Protein backbone atom coordinates (compact mmCIF):
# COMPACT_ATOMS: atom_id res chain seq x y z
CA MET A 1 139.49 -39.68 -25.84
CA ALA A 2 140.35 -42.81 -27.82
CA TYR A 3 139.00 -46.18 -26.79
CA THR A 4 141.78 -48.31 -25.38
CA PRO A 5 141.89 -51.59 -23.46
CA ASP A 6 143.31 -49.73 -20.44
CA LYS A 7 141.15 -48.84 -17.47
CA PRO A 8 140.02 -45.20 -17.78
CA LYS A 9 141.35 -42.66 -15.30
CA LEU A 10 138.97 -42.25 -12.37
CA PRO A 11 137.43 -38.82 -11.81
CA GLU A 12 139.00 -36.63 -9.15
CA THR A 13 137.53 -36.76 -5.66
CA ASN A 14 136.02 -33.71 -3.98
CA ASP A 15 139.13 -33.32 -1.79
CA GLU A 16 141.46 -33.46 -4.81
CA LEU A 17 139.38 -30.87 -6.64
CA ARG A 18 139.25 -28.62 -3.55
CA ALA A 19 143.07 -28.83 -3.23
CA ARG A 20 143.62 -28.07 -6.94
CA ILE A 21 140.95 -25.37 -7.55
CA PRO A 22 140.70 -22.53 -5.01
CA GLY A 23 137.10 -22.15 -3.80
CA TRP A 24 135.86 -25.35 -5.44
CA GLY A 25 132.81 -26.82 -3.71
CA ALA A 26 132.10 -23.70 -1.65
CA ASP A 27 128.37 -24.21 -2.13
CA LEU A 28 128.23 -27.98 -1.54
CA ASP A 29 126.93 -27.53 1.99
CA PRO A 30 123.40 -26.02 1.77
CA LYS A 31 124.10 -23.89 4.86
CA ASP A 32 126.88 -22.08 2.94
CA ARG A 33 124.67 -21.07 0.01
CA PRO A 34 123.67 -17.40 -0.07
CA ALA A 35 120.07 -18.19 -1.06
CA VAL A 36 119.40 -20.74 1.69
CA PRO A 37 116.85 -18.71 3.64
CA GLN A 38 114.82 -18.15 0.46
CA GLU A 39 115.38 -21.64 -0.92
CA VAL A 40 112.20 -23.39 0.15
CA PHE A 41 110.60 -25.94 -2.15
CA ASP A 42 106.89 -25.26 -1.83
CA LEU A 43 104.68 -26.72 -4.57
CA SER A 44 101.67 -24.66 -3.55
CA ALA A 45 103.61 -21.43 -4.16
CA THR A 46 103.91 -22.10 -7.91
CA GLY A 47 100.18 -22.28 -8.57
CA ALA A 48 100.66 -25.44 -10.62
CA HIS A 49 97.74 -27.80 -10.18
CA TRP A 50 99.00 -30.55 -12.45
CA GLU A 51 101.85 -33.02 -12.79
CA PHE A 52 101.96 -32.59 -16.57
CA PRO A 53 100.31 -29.62 -18.33
CA GLU A 54 97.15 -30.00 -20.38
CA ARG A 55 98.02 -30.78 -24.00
CA GLN A 56 97.11 -28.49 -26.88
CA PRO A 57 94.92 -30.34 -29.38
CA GLU A 58 96.75 -31.39 -32.53
CA ARG A 59 94.32 -30.57 -35.35
CA ARG A 60 96.69 -31.55 -38.14
CA PRO A 61 99.91 -33.58 -38.04
CA ARG A 62 102.93 -31.58 -36.88
CA GLU A 63 106.62 -32.16 -37.36
CA ARG A 64 108.22 -33.90 -34.43
CA SER A 65 111.82 -34.89 -34.06
CA ILE A 66 112.39 -38.64 -33.90
CA GLU A 67 114.29 -38.10 -30.63
CA HIS A 68 111.11 -37.02 -28.84
CA LYS A 69 108.30 -39.32 -27.80
CA PHE A 70 105.60 -36.67 -28.37
CA LEU A 71 105.10 -33.01 -29.11
CA THR A 72 105.52 -30.47 -26.35
CA PRO A 73 102.25 -29.63 -24.58
CA VAL A 74 102.04 -26.30 -26.45
CA PHE A 75 103.38 -25.82 -29.98
CA GLY A 76 103.21 -23.29 -32.78
CA THR A 77 100.84 -23.62 -35.72
CA SER A 78 101.38 -20.31 -37.52
CA CYS A 79 102.95 -21.92 -40.61
CA PRO A 80 101.67 -25.45 -41.07
CA PRO A 81 103.55 -27.42 -43.73
CA ARG A 82 101.96 -27.44 -47.17
CA GLY A 83 102.90 -28.35 -50.72
CA LEU A 84 106.17 -29.89 -51.78
CA SER A 85 108.10 -27.93 -49.15
CA GLY A 86 105.85 -29.41 -46.45
CA LYS A 87 106.50 -32.93 -47.75
CA ILE A 88 110.26 -32.28 -47.67
CA ARG A 89 109.99 -31.05 -44.06
CA GLN A 90 107.91 -34.06 -43.03
CA PHE A 91 110.49 -36.37 -44.61
CA ALA A 92 113.34 -34.60 -42.80
CA TYR A 93 111.62 -34.99 -39.42
CA ALA A 94 110.46 -38.56 -40.04
CA ARG A 95 113.76 -39.89 -41.36
CA TYR A 96 116.66 -38.00 -39.77
CA SER A 97 117.65 -37.03 -36.26
CA GLU A 98 118.13 -33.34 -35.46
CA GLY A 99 121.79 -34.16 -34.88
CA ARG A 100 122.31 -35.08 -38.54
CA ALA A 101 123.34 -32.62 -41.22
CA ALA A 102 120.89 -34.24 -43.66
CA HIS A 103 117.99 -33.13 -41.44
CA TRP A 104 119.03 -29.49 -41.54
CA LEU A 105 120.01 -29.53 -45.21
CA LEU A 106 116.57 -30.88 -46.09
CA LEU A 107 114.95 -28.13 -44.02
CA LEU A 108 117.07 -25.50 -45.78
CA GLY A 109 116.08 -26.99 -49.12
CA ALA A 110 112.42 -26.96 -48.06
CA ASP A 111 112.73 -23.25 -47.29
CA ARG A 112 114.05 -22.59 -50.80
CA VAL A 113 111.22 -24.65 -52.30
CA ASP A 114 108.75 -22.71 -50.14
CA VAL A 115 110.07 -19.41 -51.55
CA PHE A 116 109.55 -20.73 -55.08
CA GLU A 117 106.05 -21.97 -54.21
CA SER A 118 105.18 -18.60 -52.68
CA ARG A 119 106.35 -16.78 -55.81
CA LEU A 120 104.26 -19.08 -58.00
CA ARG A 121 101.27 -18.60 -55.70
CA SER A 122 101.60 -14.80 -55.85
CA ILE A 123 101.74 -14.92 -59.66
CA GLY A 124 98.65 -17.15 -59.69
CA GLU A 125 96.78 -14.72 -57.45
CA GLY A 126 97.61 -11.84 -59.80
CA ARG A 127 99.99 -10.14 -57.36
CA PRO A 128 103.49 -11.06 -58.55
CA ASP A 129 106.55 -9.98 -56.60
CA ARG A 130 108.05 -6.64 -57.62
CA LEU A 131 111.60 -7.88 -58.09
CA ILE A 132 113.26 -4.55 -58.87
CA ALA A 133 111.69 -2.78 -55.89
CA GLU A 134 111.99 -5.65 -53.41
CA THR A 135 115.60 -6.55 -54.13
CA GLY A 136 116.89 -3.00 -53.65
CA ILE A 137 118.41 -2.54 -57.10
CA LYS A 138 116.60 0.78 -57.62
CA ALA A 139 117.65 1.98 -54.17
CA GLU A 140 121.25 1.08 -54.99
CA ARG A 141 121.06 3.10 -58.21
CA ASP A 142 119.40 6.11 -56.55
CA GLY A 143 121.41 5.91 -53.33
CA LYS A 144 124.61 7.48 -52.19
CA ARG A 145 127.41 7.45 -54.74
CA GLY A 146 131.03 8.33 -54.54
CA PRO A 147 134.37 7.07 -53.25
CA HIS A 148 133.25 7.03 -49.59
CA ARG A 149 130.66 4.34 -50.08
CA THR A 150 131.67 1.21 -48.19
CA ASP A 151 130.08 -1.39 -50.48
CA ARG A 152 131.54 -0.23 -53.80
CA GLY A 153 133.50 -3.45 -54.17
CA HIS A 154 130.46 -5.66 -54.66
CA GLN A 155 128.19 -3.10 -56.34
CA ALA A 156 129.02 -4.40 -59.80
CA LEU A 157 128.09 -7.95 -58.76
CA ASP A 158 124.68 -7.07 -57.28
CA PRO A 159 122.70 -7.38 -60.56
CA PHE A 160 124.24 -10.80 -61.19
CA VAL A 161 123.54 -12.04 -57.66
CA VAL A 162 119.93 -10.91 -57.92
CA ALA A 163 119.37 -12.05 -61.50
CA ALA A 164 121.33 -15.33 -61.43
CA PRO A 165 118.65 -17.45 -59.69
CA TRP A 166 116.00 -16.17 -62.11
CA LEU A 167 118.17 -16.77 -65.16
CA LEU A 168 119.09 -20.23 -63.91
CA GLY A 169 115.42 -21.02 -63.24
CA ALA A 170 114.46 -19.82 -66.72
CA ALA A 171 117.21 -21.93 -68.31
CA VAL A 172 116.15 -25.06 -66.41
CA THR A 173 112.49 -24.46 -67.29
CA TYR A 174 113.39 -23.98 -70.94
CA ALA A 175 115.48 -27.18 -70.96
CA VAL A 176 112.68 -29.20 -69.32
CA ILE A 177 110.02 -27.88 -71.69
CA ARG A 178 112.26 -28.47 -74.69
CA ARG A 179 112.94 -32.04 -73.59
CA LEU A 180 109.22 -32.72 -72.98
CA THR A 181 108.17 -31.37 -76.37
CA ARG A 182 110.64 -33.57 -78.30
């Protein structure tokens, strides 16, 4: 609705809605609700002995959206932010609202950086990723062949899709090293 200097249309009254929509407001009167005999608000029945639950201790800083005053009482800590990807995530949460595309694009970028960091870490630990086995190229080669295969159209592109990020990364690394050595 555009902003205009005119007075906005008032919402319909209950009687107008009831006349226009068959059955509208059938449950407005509590006596007409099917769950009325069971609908008893009894705090002692829930077992809750607090107004606000006890908070989980925050041992290291966590990401928190700028829309929220504080973290929820219980939160996950399975993958705490670390490295450059963690810094990107912290920046996304500190700077942008969750309603902004920049927030989510930064988080997506942080995920890509995290993948790169994980690959570097695995090489450093002496357990590099097995690219041929883990990307499914060998399974594609050894798998079902013939005209009845549904993914024949993109089969020729698979090696390029898998290899392109590595070739691009190698080219960028080469260009950076070349520039630094000059």
